[in-house]
């Protein structure tokens, strides 16, 4: 366990604020963070005094800048599929939450951080936000649902371009292509998210639950998501992943076999 809590939880005006609290690591995801996010979503859905949640990151630089890459080298090569499945389960829980969850993206949302934003019911961003799926640079692919949710939101062509080039897009471009719903200043982000949630939670509770269920009616844990976990597992066991992750940690350009 870390000395400081990796997730900060506060409740105000029937809204649960879930703040990922690893600013020194740009709020990178690891097993502990994922577990605490899962616990927070369970609390949201079991506590009648809470009507909705807003997820954000601590600090001024990052929402979530990805997974904790250092842990990838330590993990057994055969564990890739299981890693993907664990992340998928937590993000499915967010997506299928019966109460609304908004992502307030306040900086870098890369890799698993972008995937975390994608599984929320919708996304608001500060002007300094950056989105990207840079996994290909590490010799792997998105494994927490990104290959499925990103094409659903912005179309197959744009999603393929983002994932194949590993290029980041800024908040303005994310708004233009429909990845985020609104963009505002860094200072105004949390107030905008709160005001939006306050409007939503005034709507009838049961109807909101049924709306979320209806919109998510065609989402299944099988098919594409199973295939993603399988493909992530294959890439995780590859020599390309070893080189890509090592190069990232050594802050050099990877050398992949052609």
Protein backbone atom coordinates (compact mmCIF):
# COMPACT_ATOMS: atom_id res chain seq x y z
CA UNK A 1 0.00 0.00 0.00
CA UNK A 2 1.14 3.54 -0.66
CA UNK A 3 1.51 6.04 2.17
CA UNK A 4 -1.08 8.42 0.71
CA UNK A 5 -4.50 7.25 -0.54
CA UNK A 6 -4.43 6.64 -4.28
CA UNK A 7 -8.06 7.75 -4.55
CA UNK A 8 -9.69 10.69 -2.80
CA UNK A 9 -13.45 10.51 -2.26
CA UNK A 10 -15.66 13.42 -1.28
CA UNK A 11 -19.43 13.89 -1.42
CA UNK A 12 -21.07 17.26 -2.01
CA UNK A 13 -24.63 18.03 -3.08
CA UNK A 14 -25.33 14.31 -3.67
CA UNK A 15 -22.31 14.07 -6.03
CA UNK A 16 -19.40 11.71 -5.38
CA UNK A 17 -16.07 13.16 -6.47
CA UNK A 18 -13.53 10.45 -7.35
CA UNK A 19 -10.06 11.98 -7.62
CA UNK A 20 -7.15 9.80 -8.67
CA UNK A 21 -4.36 10.87 -6.35
CA UNK A 22 -0.94 9.96 -7.76
CA UNK A 23 0.17 13.34 -9.14
CA UNK A 24 3.84 12.42 -8.81
CA UNK A 25 3.15 9.57 -11.27
CA UNK A 26 0.76 11.68 -13.38
CA UNK A 27 -2.05 9.64 -11.78
CA UNK A 28 -0.96 6.47 -13.59
CA UNK A 29 -3.15 3.39 -13.15
CA UNK A 30 -1.98 0.35 -11.25
CA UNK A 31 -3.75 -2.56 -9.55
CA UNK A 32 -4.40 -0.56 -6.38
CA UNK A 33 -5.89 2.39 -8.26
CA UNK A 34 -8.14 0.13 -10.32
CA UNK A 35 -9.36 -1.64 -7.18
CA UNK A 36 -10.11 1.65 -5.43
CA UNK A 37 -11.98 2.96 -8.48
CA UNK A 38 -14.05 -0.23 -8.45
CA UNK A 39 -14.80 0.24 -4.74
CA UNK A 40 -15.84 3.84 -5.36
CA UNK A 41 -18.27 2.82 -8.11
CA UNK A 42 -19.72 0.18 -5.80
CA UNK A 43 -20.24 2.89 -3.16
CA UNK A 44 -21.89 5.13 -5.72
CA UNK A 45 -24.41 2.49 -6.72
CA UNK A 46 -25.16 1.24 -3.20
CA UNK A 47 -25.48 4.58 -1.41
CA UNK A 48 -28.93 6.16 -1.78
CA UNK A 49 -27.55 9.53 -0.64
CA UNK A 50 -25.39 9.76 -3.79
CA UNK A 51 -26.96 10.44 -7.18
CA UNK A 52 -23.94 10.66 -9.51
CA UNK A 53 -20.15 10.81 -9.71
CA UNK A 54 -17.41 12.89 -11.30
CA UNK A 55 -14.01 11.31 -11.98
CA UNK A 56 -10.94 13.52 -12.29
CA UNK A 57 -7.20 13.56 -11.59
CA UNK A 58 -5.22 15.31 -8.89
CA UNK A 59 -2.91 18.13 -9.93
CA UNK A 60 -2.69 20.37 -12.97
CA UNK A 61 -0.93 18.06 -15.44
CA UNK A 62 -2.88 14.86 -15.78
CA UNK A 63 -6.26 13.20 -15.62
CA UNK A 64 -4.55 9.82 -15.98
CA UNK A 65 -1.40 9.65 -18.09
CA UNK A 66 -1.69 5.90 -18.65
CA UNK A 67 -0.81 2.70 -16.90
CA UNK A 68 2.18 2.28 -14.59
CA UNK A 69 4.58 1.15 -17.34
CA UNK A 70 7.29 0.01 -14.96
CA UNK A 71 5.02 -2.76 -13.74
CA UNK A 72 4.80 -4.16 -17.26
CA UNK A 73 8.41 -5.33 -17.22
CA UNK A 74 7.93 -7.07 -13.89
CA UNK A 75 4.75 -8.86 -14.96
CA UNK A 76 5.05 -12.37 -16.46
CA UNK A 77 4.62 -12.37 -20.24
CA UNK A 78 1.69 -14.75 -19.99
CA UNK A 79 -0.22 -12.38 -17.67
CA UNK A 80 -1.21 -9.90 -20.40
CA UNK A 81 -4.67 -11.29 -21.04
CA UNK A 82 -5.45 -11.31 -17.32
CA UNK A 83 -4.24 -7.71 -16.97
CA UNK A 84 -6.56 -6.62 -19.78
CA UNK A 85 -9.50 -8.50 -18.32
CA UNK A 86 -9.03 -6.89 -14.89
CA UNK A 87 -9.06 -3.41 -16.37
CA UNK A 88 -12.01 -4.23 -18.61
CA UNK A 89 -14.05 -5.45 -15.63
CA UNK A 90 -13.54 -2.20 -13.71
CA UNK A 91 -14.32 -0.05 -16.76
CA UNK A 92 -17.42 -2.12 -17.55
CA UNK A 93 -18.59 -1.39 -14.02
CA UNK A 94 -18.25 2.34 -14.70
CA UNK A 95 -19.98 2.11 -18.06
CA UNK A 96 -22.83 0.02 -16.68
CA UNK A 97 -23.27 2.11 -13.52
CA UNK A 98 -26.96 2.77 -12.92
CA UNK A 99 -26.05 6.29 -11.79
CA UNK A 100 -24.40 8.85 -14.10
CA UNK A 101 -20.60 9.19 -14.15
CA UNK A 102 -18.87 12.12 -15.85
CA UNK A 103 -15.16 12.30 -16.67
CA UNK A 104 -13.66 15.74 -15.95
CA UNK A 105 -10.45 15.50 -17.97
CA UNK A 106 -8.00 18.01 -16.55
CA UNK A 107 -4.79 17.19 -18.45
CA UNK A 108 -3.19 14.16 -20.05
CA UNK A 109 -5.60 11.28 -20.71
CA UNK A 110 -3.34 8.75 -22.39
CA UNK A 111 -3.52 4.98 -22.80
CA UNK A 112 -5.49 3.58 -19.89
CA UNK A 113 -6.38 7.14 -18.91
CA UNK A 114 -8.05 7.76 -22.25
CA UNK A 115 -9.82 4.41 -21.86
CA UNK A 116 -11.02 5.46 -18.41
CA UNK A 117 -12.52 8.62 -19.88
CA UNK A 118 -14.11 6.62 -22.70
CA UNK A 119 -16.05 4.34 -20.36
CA UNK A 120 -17.65 7.23 -18.47
CA UNK A 121 -21.10 8.27 -19.63
CA UNK A 122 -19.64 11.40 -21.19
CA UNK A 123 -16.55 13.59 -21.03
CA UNK A 124 -15.81 17.25 -20.25
CA UNK A 125 -12.31 18.64 -20.78
CA UNK A 126 -10.15 21.57 -19.78
CA UNK A 127 -8.36 23.44 -22.56
CA UNK A 128 -5.03 21.84 -21.61
CA UNK A 129 -6.33 18.28 -21.94
CA UNK A 130 -4.58 15.85 -24.28
CA UNK A 131 -5.97 12.50 -25.45
CA UNK A 132 -4.12 9.58 -26.98
CA UNK A 133 -3.68 5.83 -27.26
CA UNK A 134 0.13 5.49 -27.50
CA UNK A 135 0.29 1.76 -26.71
CA UNK A 136 1.63 0.84 -30.16
CA UNK A 137 4.86 2.65 -29.23
CA UNK A 138 5.31 0.09 -26.46
CA UNK A 139 4.71 -2.87 -28.74
CA UNK A 140 1.23 -3.49 -27.32
CA UNK A 141 -2.37 -2.39 -28.00
CA UNK A 142 -5.10 -0.77 -25.89
CA UNK A 143 -6.45 -3.42 -23.54
CA UNK A 144 -9.04 -1.74 -21.31
CA UNK A 145 -11.70 -1.35 -24.00
CA UNK A 146 -10.09 1.32 -26.15
CA UNK A 147 -10.23 -0.67 -29.38
CA UNK A 148 -14.00 -0.95 -28.93
CA UNK A 149 -15.14 2.34 -27.37
CA UNK A 150 -12.96 4.76 -29.33
CA UNK A 151 -14.37 3.70 -32.75
CA UNK A 152 -17.90 3.89 -31.32
CA UNK A 153 -17.35 7.50 -30.29
CA UNK A 154 -15.31 9.00 -33.13
CA UNK A 155 -15.64 6.49 -35.97
CA UNK A 156 -13.40 3.68 -37.13
CA UNK A 157 -11.14 5.74 -39.37
CA UNK A 158 -10.25 8.40 -36.82
CA UNK A 159 -9.86 5.77 -34.09
CA UNK A 160 -7.53 3.71 -36.26
CA UNK A 161 -5.46 6.82 -36.99
CA UNK A 162 -5.14 7.69 -33.29
CA UNK A 163 -4.16 4.15 -32.31
CA UNK A 164 -1.86 3.46 -35.28
CA UNK A 165 0.05 6.76 -35.17
CA UNK A 166 0.03 7.05 -31.35
CA UNK A 167 -0.35 10.81 -31.82
CA UNK A 168 -2.08 12.84 -29.13
CA UNK A 169 -4.93 15.22 -29.88
CA UNK A 170 -5.72 18.38 -27.95
CA UNK A 171 -9.01 19.33 -26.32
CA UNK A 172 -10.18 21.41 -29.28
CA UNK A 173 -9.73 18.50 -31.69
CA UNK A 174 -11.31 16.09 -29.21
CA UNK A 175 -14.37 18.35 -29.12
CA UNK A 176 -14.46 18.67 -32.92
CA UNK A 177 -14.55 14.91 -33.45
CA UNK A 178 -17.00 14.19 -30.63
CA UNK A 179 -14.65 12.63 -28.12
CA UNK A 180 -15.60 15.24 -25.51
CA UNK A 181 -18.85 17.12 -25.03
CA UNK A 182 -17.50 20.49 -23.89
CA UNK A 183 -14.21 22.32 -23.33
CA UNK A 184 -13.53 25.11 -20.85
CA UNK A 185 -10.66 26.69 -18.93
CA UNK A 186 -8.76 24.69 -16.35
CA UNK A 187 -10.22 26.84 -13.59
CA UNK A 188 -13.82 26.32 -14.73
CA UNK A 189 -13.71 22.55 -15.36
CA UNK A 190 -14.91 21.19 -12.03
CA UNK A 191 -17.64 23.81 -11.74
CA UNK A 192 -18.84 22.96 -15.25
CA UNK A 193 -18.88 19.26 -14.37
CA UNK A 194 -20.76 19.97 -11.13
CA UNK A 195 -23.36 22.15 -12.83
CA UNK A 196 -23.92 19.54 -15.53
CA UNK A 197 -24.32 16.80 -12.92
CA UNK A 198 -26.70 18.93 -10.84
CA UNK A 199 -28.96 19.22 -13.88
CA UNK A 200 -28.84 15.47 -14.47
CA UNK A 201 -29.53 14.37 -10.91
CA UNK A 202 -32.71 16.45 -10.82
CA UNK A 203 -34.17 14.06 -13.39
CA UNK A 204 -36.22 11.08 -12.21
CA UNK A 205 -33.92 8.42 -10.77
CA UNK A 206 -35.54 5.32 -12.24
CA UNK A 207 -35.81 6.87 -15.69
CA UNK A 208 -32.08 7.71 -15.61
CA UNK A 209 -31.29 4.11 -14.72
CA UNK A 210 -33.42 2.84 -17.59
CA UNK A 211 -31.88 5.37 -19.99
CA UNK A 212 -28.36 4.18 -19.18
CA UNK A 213 -29.46 0.57 -19.52
CA UNK A 214 -31.14 1.23 -22.86
CA UNK A 215 -28.19 3.10 -24.37
CA UNK A 216 -25.83 0.36 -23.20
CA UNK A 217 -28.13 -2.39 -24.42
CA UNK A 218 -25.88 -3.41 -27.31
CA UNK A 219 -22.70 -3.51 -25.21
CA UNK A 220 -21.51 -6.99 -24.34
CA UNK A 221 -18.46 -8.31 -22.53
CA UNK A 222 -18.08 -10.90 -25.26
CA UNK A 223 -16.97 -10.64 -28.87
CA UNK A 224 -14.90 -7.49 -29.38
CA UNK A 225 -13.80 -7.10 -25.78
CA UNK A 226 -12.79 -10.76 -25.47
CA UNK A 227 -10.88 -10.44 -28.72
CA UNK A 228 -9.17 -7.27 -27.44
CA UNK A 229 -8.03 -9.05 -24.26
CA UNK A 230 -6.72 -11.96 -26.34
CA UNK A 231 -4.84 -9.65 -28.71
CA UNK A 232 -3.47 -7.60 -25.82
CA UNK A 233 -2.23 -10.82 -24.24
CA UNK A 234 -0.47 -11.85 -27.46
CA UNK A 235 1.21 -8.45 -27.83
CA UNK A 236 2.14 -8.40 -24.14
CA UNK A 237 4.07 -11.63 -24.57
CA UNK A 238 6.00 -10.36 -27.60
CA UNK A 239 9.62 -9.26 -27.93
CA UNK A 240 8.29 -5.95 -29.28
CA UNK A 241 6.61 -5.26 -25.94
CA UNK A 242 9.84 -5.96 -24.06
CA UNK A 243 11.79 -3.59 -26.31
CA UNK A 244 9.08 -0.94 -26.34
CA UNK A 245 8.63 -0.84 -22.56
CA UNK A 246 12.39 -0.99 -21.91
CA UNK A 247 12.99 1.88 -24.32
CA UNK A 248 10.24 3.93 -22.69
CA UNK A 249 11.73 3.46 -19.24
CA UNK A 250 15.23 4.20 -20.55
CA UNK A 251 13.88 7.29 -22.35
CA UNK A 252 15.15 6.26 -25.76
CA UNK A 253 13.61 5.43 -29.11
CA UNK A 254 12.66 1.74 -29.40
CA UNK A 255 14.28 -0.43 -32.05
CA UNK A 256 11.69 -2.80 -33.47
CA UNK A 257 12.45 -5.57 -35.98
CA UNK A 258 11.11 -4.68 -39.40
